[in-house]
Amino acid sequence: MIEVIGVRFKKVGKIYYFDPANLQIDKDDYVIVETARGVEFGKVVLEKKQVEETDVVMPLKKVIRLATEKDKHIVLENKDNAKEAYLTCEKKIKAHQLDMNLVDVEYTFDRNKVIFYFTADGRVDFRELVKDLASVFKTRIELRQIGVRDEAKLLGGIGPCGRMLCCSTFLGDFEPVSIKMAKDQNLSLNPTKISGLCGRLMCCLKYENDEYEQAKRELPDVGQKLTTPLGRGRVVGLNILERIIQVEIKELERVVEYTLDELIEAGVLTTS
């Protein structure tokens, strides 16, 4: 086991583990750490805990120190400079007539690099743009192409449900979402109904998917024939979340509703 703390560098970004290095560090503290991008300023979101060595990328980087008020001032200054860099880059993109959409700009804490995030339909030859930007900012320049889901996460917005986007408020990572999840939940397959602002399938389709998969294993299929306490019948409908089965009884010429527990107690169905 190894002692770690969890640090985030963006509001809802990924959580990275660091060695607290015997420092007194509490949750919600700000720290200065060394990363692959250089020295960075981050917020502690997971207090000290023990994890398996297999759960971290070794060698584990140590926390350099707790952040000071001066460090916080530098972060605010970098954000102001990033806004100016955004406007400058937009002008340069137009000047070079590049088919790309600038999304965000970020200075690393130590100002050794400026990162420009953009979206584009295909590959973009931005070599001349990089040279132009380097001559303006006199530092390392990185242009990073991101996907539409990452763009939505960075920009935020209001989803079809009327709430702020999940990805921009609490989702640290994107999980795979498939059309099968929408089918399993009996949702309309109309793209406008099941797509988010990014144009991809909504992340929330994943939230209840495990419950629906479990229900599908427990419930009979529509069309399956059953011998119920009231006679032989055929399943014509399912209420998956409430575990209710609608059975059409031939002899009675009507549809009878049973709960899953009732059919199991009657020996009609067995638990898996």
C-alpha atoms as a PDB file:
ATOM      1  CA  MET A   1       0.000   0.000   0.000  1.00  0.00           C
ATOM      2  CA  ILE A   2       1.076   3.566  -0.664  1.00  0.00           C
ATOM      3  CA  GLU A   3      -0.185   6.887   0.760  1.00  0.00           C
ATOM      4  CA  VAL A   4      -1.551   9.366  -1.800  1.00  0.00           C
ATOM      5  CA  ILE A   5      -3.690  12.463  -2.193  1.00  0.00           C
ATOM      6  CA  GLY A   6      -5.971  13.208  -5.166  1.00  0.00           C
ATOM      7  CA  VAL A   7      -5.451  16.478  -7.039  1.00  0.00           C
ATOM      8  CA  ARG A   8      -7.514  18.151  -9.756  1.00  0.00           C
ATOM      9  CA  PHE A   9      -6.178  20.864 -12.058  1.00  0.00           C
ATOM     10  CA  LYS A  10      -9.537  21.807 -13.582  1.00  0.00           C
ATOM     11  CA  LYS A  11     -12.981  22.136 -12.051  1.00  0.00           C
ATOM     12  CA  VAL A  12     -14.235  18.737 -13.232  1.00  0.00           C
ATOM     13  CA  GLY A  13     -11.036  17.320 -14.658  1.00  0.00           C
ATOM     14  CA  LYS A  14      -9.426  13.973 -13.956  1.00  0.00           C
ATOM     15  CA  ILE A  15      -8.084  13.224 -10.480  1.00  0.00           C
ATOM     16  CA  TYR A  16      -4.352  12.523 -10.306  1.00  0.00           C
ATOM     17  CA  TYR A  17      -2.539  10.862  -7.401  1.00  0.00           C
ATOM     18  CA  PHE A  18       0.492  12.464  -5.763  1.00  0.00           C
ATOM     19  CA  ASP A  19       2.751  11.609  -2.844  1.00  0.00           C
ATOM     20  CA  PRO A  20       1.935  14.031   0.035  1.00  0.00           C
ATOM     21  CA  ALA A  21       5.609  13.882   1.060  1.00  0.00           C
ATOM     22  CA  ASN A  22       4.903  14.077   4.834  1.00  0.00           C
ATOM     23  CA  LEU A  23       3.241  17.486   4.420  1.00  0.00           C
ATOM     24  CA  GLN A  24       0.108  18.365   6.384  1.00  0.00           C
ATOM     25  CA  ILE A  25      -2.354  18.492   3.509  1.00  0.00           C
ATOM     26  CA  ASP A  26      -6.138  18.566   3.885  1.00  0.00           C
ATOM     27  CA  LYS A  27      -8.986  18.331   1.427  1.00  0.00           C
ATOM     28  CA  ASP A  28      -9.662  21.627  -0.450  1.00  0.00           C
ATOM     29  CA  ASP A  29      -6.082  22.796   0.057  1.00  0.00           C
ATOM     30  CA  TYR A  30      -4.186  24.081  -2.977  1.00  0.00           C
ATOM     31  CA  VAL A  31      -0.811  22.567  -3.809  1.00  0.00           C
ATOM     32  CA  ILE A  32       2.079  22.998  -6.217  1.00  0.00           C
ATOM     33  CA  VAL A  33       3.105  19.772  -7.935  1.00  0.00           C
ATOM     34  CA  GLU A  34       5.329  18.622 -10.768  1.00  0.00           C
ATOM     35  CA  THR A  35       3.572  17.054 -13.744  1.00  0.00           C
ATOM     36  CA  ALA A  36       4.448  15.969 -17.265  1.00  0.00           C
ATOM     37  CA  ARG A  37       3.488  19.499 -18.365  1.00  0.00           C
ATOM     38  CA  GLY A  38       5.758  21.131 -15.796  1.00  0.00           C
ATOM     39  CA  VAL A  39       5.037  22.738 -12.423  1.00  0.00           C
ATOM     40  CA  GLU A  40       1.271  23.039 -11.878  1.00  0.00           C
ATOM     41  CA  PHE A  41      -1.229  24.472  -9.394  1.00  0.00           C
ATOM     42  CA  GLY A  42      -3.988  22.099  -8.269  1.00  0.00           C
ATOM     43  CA  LYS A  43      -6.731  21.576  -5.707  1.00  0.00           C
ATOM     44  CA  VAL A  44      -6.781  18.620  -3.309  1.00  0.00           C
ATOM     45  CA  VAL A  45     -10.086  16.772  -3.785  1.00  0.00           C
ATOM     46  CA  LEU A  46      -9.135  13.491  -2.070  1.00  0.00           C
ATOM     47  CA  GLU A  47      -7.476  13.608   1.337  1.00  0.00           C
ATOM     48  CA  LYS A  48      -4.680  11.245   2.306  1.00  0.00           C
ATOM     49  CA  LYS A  49      -5.526   7.588   1.821  1.00  0.00           C
ATOM     50  CA  GLN A  50      -3.853   4.240   1.229  1.00  0.00           C
ATOM     51  CA  VAL A  51      -4.101   2.648  -2.234  1.00  0.00           C
ATOM     52  CA  GLU A  52      -2.525  -0.364  -3.917  1.00  0.00           C
ATOM     53  CA  GLU A  53       0.666   0.365  -5.854  1.00  0.00           C
ATOM     54  CA  THR A  54      -0.986  -1.172  -8.930  1.00  0.00           C
ATOM     55  CA  ASP A  55      -3.572   1.658  -8.840  1.00  0.00           C
ATOM     56  CA  VAL A  56      -0.993   4.410  -9.399  1.00  0.00           C
ATOM     57  CA  VAL A  57       1.512   5.239 -12.111  1.00  0.00           C
ATOM     58  CA  MET A  58       4.991   4.801 -10.684  1.00  0.00           C
ATOM     59  CA  PRO A  59       7.197   6.573  -9.866  1.00  0.00           C
ATOM     60  CA  LEU A  60       4.691   8.704  -7.967  1.00  0.00           C
ATOM     61  CA  LYS A  61       5.422  12.440  -8.108  1.00  0.00           C
ATOM     62  CA  LYS A  62       5.712  14.259  -4.787  1.00  0.00           C
ATOM     63  CA  VAL A  63       3.888  17.419  -3.788  1.00  0.00           C
ATOM     64  CA  ILE A  64       6.406  20.256  -3.942  1.00  0.00           C
ATOM     65  CA  ARG A  65       4.656  22.500  -1.402  1.00  0.00           C
ATOM     66  CA  LEU A  66       1.361  24.018  -0.333  1.00  0.00           C
ATOM     67  CA  ALA A  67       0.242  26.900  -2.534  1.00  0.00           C
ATOM     68  CA  THR A  68       0.577  30.465  -1.247  1.00  0.00           C
ATOM     69  CA  GLU A  69      -1.520  33.574  -1.871  1.00  0.00           C
ATOM     70  CA  LYS A  70       1.128  34.645  -4.373  1.00  0.00           C
ATOM     71  CA  ASP A  71       0.586  31.384  -6.276  1.00  0.00           C
ATOM     72  CA  LYS A  72      -3.171  32.017  -6.385  1.00  0.00           C
ATOM     73  CA  HIS A  73      -2.515  35.492  -7.749  1.00  0.00           C
ATOM     74  CA  ILE A  74      -0.321  33.982 -10.497  1.00  0.00           C
ATOM     75  CA  VAL A  75      -3.171  31.627 -11.477  1.00  0.00           C
ATOM     76  CA  LEU A  76      -5.601  34.556 -11.801  1.00  0.00           C
ATOM     77  CA  GLU A  77      -3.036  36.495 -13.810  1.00  0.00           C
ATOM     78  CA  ASN A  78      -2.530  33.513 -16.126  1.00  0.00           C
ATOM     79  CA  LYS A  79      -6.292  33.315 -16.717  1.00  0.00           C
ATOM     80  CA  ASP A  80      -6.389  36.996 -17.690  1.00  0.00           C
ATOM     81  CA  ASN A  81      -3.449  36.495 -20.046  1.00  0.00           C
ATOM     82  CA  ALA A  82      -5.158  33.439 -21.532  1.00  0.00           C
ATOM     83  CA  LYS A  83      -8.168  35.582 -22.516  1.00  0.00           C
ATOM     84  CA  GLU A  84      -5.856  37.945 -24.386  1.00  0.00           C
ATOM     85  CA  ALA A  85      -4.067  34.991 -25.996  1.00  0.00           C
ATOM     86  CA  TYR A  86      -7.443  33.642 -27.158  1.00  0.00           C
ATOM     87  CA  LEU A  87      -8.232  36.840 -29.044  1.00  0.00           C
ATOM     88  CA  THR A  88      -4.751  36.942 -30.569  1.00  0.00           C
ATOM     89  CA  CYS A  89      -4.947  33.329 -31.711  1.00  0.00           C
ATOM     90  CA  GLU A  90      -8.387  33.847 -33.287  1.00  0.00           C
ATOM     91  CA  LYS A  91      -6.953  36.669 -35.399  1.00  0.00           C
ATOM     92  CA  LYS A  92      -4.007  34.523 -36.443  1.00  0.00           C
ATOM     93  CA  ILE A  93      -6.304  31.623 -37.420  1.00  0.00           C
ATOM     94  CA  LYS A  94      -8.288  33.952 -39.692  1.00  0.00           C
ATOM     95  CA  ALA A  95      -5.091  35.384 -41.135  1.00  0.00           C
ATOM     96  CA  HIS A  96      -3.834  31.876 -41.990  1.00  0.00           C
ATOM     97  CA  GLN A  97      -7.315  30.891 -43.258  1.00  0.00           C
ATOM     98  CA  LEU A  98      -7.338  27.671 -41.243  1.00  0.00           C
ATOM     99  CA  ASP A  99     -10.499  25.586 -40.947  1.00  0.00           C
ATOM    100  CA  MET A 100     -10.436  25.209 -37.163  1.00  0.00           C
ATOM    101  CA  ASN A 101     -12.483  26.452 -34.227  1.00  0.00           C
ATOM    102  CA  LEU A 102     -10.599  27.748 -31.194  1.00  0.00           C
ATOM    103  CA  VAL A 103     -12.247  26.538 -27.976  1.00  0.00           C
ATOM    104  CA  ASP A 104     -10.008  27.507 -25.056  1.00  0.00           C
ATOM    105  CA  VAL A 105      -6.529  28.737 -24.135  1.00  0.00           C
ATOM    106  CA  GLU A 106      -4.550  27.792 -21.054  1.00  0.00           C
ATOM    107  CA  TYR A 107      -1.227  28.912 -19.586  1.00  0.00           C
ATOM    108  CA  THR A 108       0.679  26.382 -17.502  1.00  0.00           C
ATOM    109  CA  PHE A 109       1.342  27.625 -13.979  1.00  0.00           C
ATOM    110  CA  ASP A 110       5.049  28.223 -14.625  1.00  0.00           C
ATOM    111  CA  ARG A 111       4.201  29.959 -17.945  1.00  0.00           C
ATOM    112  CA  ASN A 112       6.569  27.646 -19.823  1.00  0.00           C
ATOM    113  CA  LYS A 113       3.813  26.743 -22.268  1.00  0.00           C
ATOM    114  CA  VAL A 114       0.595  28.093 -23.759  1.00  0.00           C
ATOM    115  CA  ILE A 115      -1.937  25.435 -24.796  1.00  0.00           C
ATOM    116  CA  PHE A 116      -4.556  26.223 -27.431  1.00  0.00           C
ATOM    117  CA  TYR A 117      -7.510  23.803 -27.598  1.00  0.00           C
ATOM    118  CA  PHE A 118      -9.396  23.599 -30.888  1.00  0.00           C
ATOM    119  CA  THR A 119     -11.840  21.481 -32.839  1.00  0.00           C
ATOM    120  CA  ALA A 120     -11.735  20.701 -36.550  1.00  0.00           C
ATOM    121  CA  ASP A 121     -13.447  18.307 -38.943  1.00  0.00           C
ATOM    122  CA  GLY A 122     -10.155  16.771 -40.024  1.00  0.00           C
ATOM    123  CA  ARG A 123      -6.423  17.216 -39.722  1.00  0.00           C
ATOM    124  CA  VAL A 124      -5.115  20.774 -39.827  1.00  0.00           C
ATOM    125  CA  ASP A 125      -1.648  21.868 -40.916  1.00  0.00           C
ATOM    126  CA  PHE A 126      -0.973  24.489 -38.245  1.00  0.00           C
ATOM    127  CA  ARG A 127       2.824  24.577 -38.422  1.00  0.00           C
ATOM    128  CA  GLU A 128       2.945  28.165 -39.679  1.00  0.00           C
ATOM    129  CA  LEU A 129       0.385  29.191 -37.055  1.00  0.00           C
ATOM    130  CA  VAL A 130       2.580  27.732 -34.290  1.00  0.00           C
ATOM    131  CA  LYS A 131       5.600  29.692 -35.556  1.00  0.00           C
ATOM    132  CA  ASP A 132       3.517  32.850 -35.673  1.00  0.00           C
ATOM    133  CA  LEU A 133       2.193  32.354 -32.127  1.00  0.00           C
ATOM    134  CA  ALA A 134       5.669  31.518 -30.765  1.00  0.00           C
ATOM    135  CA  SER A 135       6.994  34.806 -32.150  1.00  0.00           C
ATOM    136  CA  VAL A 136       4.210  36.668 -30.320  1.00  0.00           C
ATOM    137  CA  PHE A 137       4.234  34.903 -26.931  1.00  0.00           C
ATOM    138  CA  LYS A 138       7.956  34.025 -26.751  1.00  0.00           C
ATOM    139  CA  THR A 139       7.275  30.669 -25.115  1.00  0.00           C
ATOM    140  CA  ARG A 140       6.447  27.081 -26.051  1.00  0.00           C
ATOM    141  CA  ILE A 141       3.213  26.684 -27.986  1.00  0.00           C
ATOM    142  CA  GLU A 142       0.995  23.598 -28.061  1.00  0.00           C
ATOM    143  CA  LEU A 143      -2.077  23.257 -30.266  1.00  0.00           C
ATOM    144  CA  ARG A 144      -4.267  20.406 -29.064  1.00  0.00           C
ATOM    145  CA  GLN A 145      -7.174  19.118 -31.146  1.00  0.00           C
ATOM    146  CA  ILE A 146     -10.075  17.932 -28.987  1.00  0.00           C
ATOM    147  CA  GLY A 147     -13.374  16.191 -29.680  1.00  0.00           C
ATOM    148  CA  VAL A 148     -16.871  17.623 -29.485  1.00  0.00           C
ATOM    149  CA  ARG A 149     -17.495  16.037 -26.060  1.00  0.00           C
ATOM    150  CA  ASP A 150     -14.374  17.730 -24.672  1.00  0.00           C
ATOM    151  CA  GLU A 151     -15.533  20.997 -26.223  1.00  0.00           C
ATOM    152  CA  ALA A 152     -18.876  20.753 -24.403  1.00  0.00           C
ATOM    153  CA  LYS A 153     -17.047  19.971 -21.157  1.00  0.00           C
ATOM    154  CA  LEU A 154     -14.859  23.064 -21.509  1.00  0.00           C
ATOM    155  CA  LEU A 155     -17.599  25.479 -22.605  1.00  0.00           C
ATOM    156  CA  GLY A 156     -20.510  24.155 -20.516  1.00  0.00           C
ATOM    157  CA  GLY A 157     -24.168  24.796 -21.262  1.00  0.00           C
ATOM    158  CA  ILE A 158     -27.695  23.622 -20.467  1.00  0.00           C
ATOM    159  CA  GLY A 159     -28.797  20.148 -21.531  1.00  0.00           C
ATOM    160  CA  PRO A 160     -32.192  18.991 -22.843  1.00  0.00           C
ATOM    161  CA  CYS A 161     -33.179  18.239 -19.231  1.00  0.00           C
ATOM    162  CA  GLY A 162     -32.831  21.908 -18.296  1.00  0.00           C
ATOM    163  CA  ARG A 163     -29.835  21.343 -16.023  1.00  0.00           C
ATOM    164  CA  MET A 164     -26.187  22.293 -16.495  1.00  0.00           C
ATOM    165  CA  LEU A 165     -24.250  19.717 -18.515  1.00  0.00           C
ATOM    166  CA  CYS A 166     -23.086  16.734 -16.468  1.00  0.00           C
ATOM    167  CA  CYS A 167     -19.663  16.779 -18.132  1.00  0.00           C
ATOM    168  CA  SER A 168     -19.042  20.384 -17.078  1.00  0.00           C
ATOM    169  CA  THR A 169     -20.347  20.019 -13.503  1.00  0.00           C
ATOM    170  CA  PHE A 170     -19.335  16.645 -12.050  1.00  0.00           C
ATOM    171  CA  LEU A 171     -18.198  14.036 -14.615  1.00  0.00           C
ATOM    172  CA  GLY A 172     -14.436  13.582 -14.365  1.00  0.00           C
ATOM    173  CA  ASP A 173     -14.201  11.090 -17.238  1.00  0.00           C
ATOM    174  CA  PHE A 174     -16.295  10.224 -20.257  1.00  0.00           C
ATOM    175  CA  GLU A 175     -17.650   6.678 -20.277  1.00  0.00           C
ATOM    176  CA  PRO A 176     -18.614   4.823 -23.474  1.00  0.00           C
ATOM    177  CA  VAL A 177     -22.292   5.246 -24.400  1.00  0.00           C
ATOM    178  CA  SER A 178     -23.965   3.075 -27.048  1.00  0.00           C
ATOM    179  CA  ILE A 179     -27.250   3.105 -28.940  1.00  0.00           C
ATOM    180  CA  LYS A 180     -27.981  -0.272 -27.301  1.00  0.00           C
ATOM    181  CA  MET A 181     -28.410   1.537 -23.983  1.00  0.00           C
ATOM    182  CA  ALA A 182     -31.179   3.685 -25.480  1.00  0.00           C
ATOM    183  CA  LYS A 183     -32.860   0.590 -26.952  1.00  0.00           C
ATOM    184  CA  ASP A 184     -32.701  -1.267 -23.622  1.00  0.00           C
ATOM    185  CA  GLN A 185     -34.410   1.687 -21.922  1.00  0.00           C
ATOM    186  CA  ASN A 186     -37.183   1.773 -24.552  1.00  0.00           C
ATOM    187  CA  LEU A 187     -36.283   5.321 -25.520  1.00  0.00           C
ATOM    188  CA  SER A 188     -37.106   6.942 -28.828  1.00  0.00           C
ATOM    189  CA  LEU A 189     -34.191   6.460 -31.210  1.00  0.00           C
ATOM    190  CA  ASN A 190     -34.745   9.936 -32.635  1.00  0.00           C
ATOM    191  CA  PRO A 191     -31.226  11.512 -32.563  1.00  0.00           C
ATOM    192  CA  THR A 192     -32.625  14.835 -31.337  1.00  0.00           C
ATOM    193  CA  LYS A 193     -34.102  13.092 -28.285  1.00  0.00           C
ATOM    194  CA  ILE A 194     -31.066  11.094 -27.165  1.00  0.00           C
ATOM    195  CA  SER A 195     -28.202  13.405 -28.169  1.00  0.00           C
ATOM    196  CA  GLY A 196     -26.583  16.058 -26.017  1.00  0.00           C
ATOM    197  CA  LEU A 197     -25.361  19.529 -26.998  1.00  0.00           C
ATOM    198  CA  CYS A 198     -22.171  17.941 -28.317  1.00  0.00           C
ATOM    199  CA  GLY A 199     -24.156  15.923 -30.845  1.00  0.00           C
ATOM    200  CA  ARG A 200     -23.112  12.618 -29.274  1.00  0.00           C
ATOM    201  CA  LEU A 201     -25.311  10.239 -27.275  1.00  0.00           C
ATOM    202  CA  MET A 202     -26.150  11.711 -23.867  1.00  0.00           C
ATOM    203  CA  CYS A 203     -23.869  10.625 -21.023  1.00  0.00           C
ATOM    204  CA  CYS A 204     -26.911  10.092 -18.761  1.00  0.00           C
ATOM    205  CA  LEU A 205     -27.942   7.045 -20.832  1.00  0.00           C
ATOM    206  CA  LYS A 206     -25.202   5.267 -18.894  1.00  0.00           C
ATOM    207  CA  TYR A 207     -26.533   6.125 -15.420  1.00  0.00           C
ATOM    208  CA  GLU A 208     -29.408   3.615 -15.288  1.00  0.00           C
ATOM    209  CA  ASN A 209     -27.991   1.128 -17.764  1.00  0.00           C
ATOM    210  CA  ASP A 210     -26.840  -1.379 -15.120  1.00  0.00           C
ATOM    211  CA  GLU A 211     -30.357  -1.418 -13.609  1.00  0.00           C
ATOM    212  CA  TYR A 212     -31.940  -2.106 -17.000  1.00  0.00           C
ATOM    213  CA  GLU A 213     -29.430  -4.867 -17.774  1.00  0.00           C
ATOM    214  CA  GLN A 214     -30.180  -6.514 -14.423  1.00  0.00           C
ATOM    215  CA  ALA A 215     -33.929  -6.237 -15.079  1.00  0.00           C
ATOM    216  CA  LYS A 216     -33.573  -7.812 -18.526  1.00  0.00           C
ATOM    217  CA  ARG A 217     -31.872 -10.820 -16.944  1.00  0.00           C
ATOM    218  CA  GLU A 218     -34.708 -11.204 -14.424  1.00  0.00           C
ATOM    219  CA  LEU A 219     -37.754 -10.514 -16.608  1.00  0.00           C
ATOM    220  CA  PRO A 220     -39.195 -12.682 -19.404  1.00  0.00           C
ATOM    221  CA  ASP A 221     -39.071 -11.458 -23.016  1.00  0.00           C
ATOM    222  CA  VAL A 222     -42.058  -9.836 -24.711  1.00  0.00           C
ATOM    223  CA  GLY A 223     -43.812 -12.599 -26.644  1.00  0.00           C
ATOM    224  CA  GLN A 224     -42.699 -15.348 -24.244  1.00  0.00           C
ATOM    225  CA  LYS A 225     -45.454 -17.794 -23.258  1.00  0.00           C
ATOM    226  CA  LEU A 226     -46.120 -18.465 -19.574  1.00  0.00           C
ATOM    227  CA  THR A 227     -48.429 -20.646 -17.520  1.00  0.00           C
ATOM    228  CA  THR A 228     -49.764 -18.239 -14.903  1.00  0.00           C
ATOM    229  CA  PRO A 229     -52.081 -18.952 -11.919  1.00  0.00           C
ATOM    230  CA  LEU A 230     -54.973 -17.739 -14.131  1.00  0.00           C
ATOM    231  CA  GLY A 231     -54.026 -19.823 -17.150  1.00  0.00           C
ATOM    232  CA  ARG A 232     -51.778 -19.959 -20.175  1.00  0.00           C
ATOM    233  CA  GLY A 233     -50.731 -16.560 -21.510  1.00  0.00           C
ATOM    234  CA  ARG A 234     -48.237 -14.515 -23.491  1.00  0.00           C
ATOM    235  CA  VAL A 235     -46.117 -11.593 -22.285  1.00  0.00           C
ATOM    236  CA  VAL A 236     -47.284  -8.454 -24.083  1.00  0.00           C
ATOM    237  CA  GLY A 237     -45.629  -5.699 -22.034  1.00  0.00           C
ATOM    238  CA  LEU A 238     -43.014  -4.952 -19.370  1.00  0.00           C
ATOM    239  CA  ASN A 239     -42.561  -2.189 -16.831  1.00  0.00           C
ATOM    240  CA  ILE A 240     -38.857  -2.714 -16.362  1.00  0.00           C
ATOM    241  CA  LEU A 241     -38.181  -0.375 -13.436  1.00  0.00           C
ATOM    242  CA  GLU A 242     -41.152  -1.602 -11.352  1.00  0.00           C
ATOM    243  CA  ARG A 243     -40.648  -5.240 -12.443  1.00  0.00           C
ATOM    244  CA  ILE A 244     -44.255  -5.580 -13.662  1.00  0.00           C
ATOM    245  CA  ILE A 245     -45.147  -8.092 -16.381  1.00  0.00           C
ATOM    246  CA  GLN A 246     -48.279  -7.746 -18.515  1.00  0.00           C
ATOM    247  CA  VAL A 247     -49.621 -11.147 -19.588  1.00  0.00           C
ATOM    248  CA  GLU A 248     -52.431 -11.670 -22.078  1.00  0.00           C
ATOM    249  CA  ILE A 249     -54.521 -14.634 -20.835  1.00  0.00           C
ATOM    250  CA  LYS A 250     -56.223 -16.395 -23.754  1.00  0.00           C
ATOM    251  CA  GLU A 251     -58.950 -18.042 -21.688  1.00  0.00           C
ATOM    252  CA  LEU A 252     -59.910 -14.751 -20.025  1.00  0.00           C
ATOM    253  CA  GLU A 253     -59.346 -12.649 -23.157  1.00  0.00           C
ATOM    254  CA  ARG A 254     -57.765  -9.893 -21.126  1.00  0.00           C
ATOM    255  CA  VAL A 255     -54.370  -8.642 -19.969  1.00  0.00           C
ATOM    256  CA  VAL A 256     -53.349  -9.327 -16.360  1.00  0.00           C
ATOM    257  CA  GLU A 257     -50.484  -7.565 -14.596  1.00  0.00           C
ATOM    258  CA  TYR A 258     -48.149  -9.514 -12.337  1.00  0.00           C
ATOM    259  CA  THR A 259     -45.163  -8.371 -10.350  1.00  0.00           C
ATOM    260  CA  LEU A 260     -41.968 -10.327 -10.818  1.00  0.00           C
ATOM    261  CA  ASP A 261     -42.139 -11.524  -7.201  1.00  0.00           C
ATOM    262  CA  GLU A 262     -45.665 -12.873  -7.714  1.00  0.00           C
ATOM    263  CA  LEU A 263     -44.605 -14.997 -10.688  1.00  0.00           C
ATOM    264  CA  ILE A 264     -41.532 -16.247  -8.840  1.00  0.00           C
ATOM    265  CA  GLU A 265     -43.617 -17.228  -5.777  1.00  0.00           C
ATOM    266  CA  ALA A 266     -46.058 -19.007  -8.088  1.00  0.00           C
ATOM    267  CA  GLY A 267     -43.179 -20.973  -9.601  1.00  0.00           C
ATOM    268  CA  VAL A 268     -43.804 -19.491 -13.049  1.00  0.00           C
ATOM    269  CA  LEU A 269     -40.345 -17.850 -13.128  1.00  0.00           C
ATOM    270  CA  THR A 270     -37.135 -18.704 -11.329  1.00  0.00           C
ATOM    271  CA  THR A 271     -34.505 -16.368  -9.942  1.00  0.00           C
ATOM    272  CA  SER A 272     -31.270 -16.271 -11.902  1.00  0.00           C
END
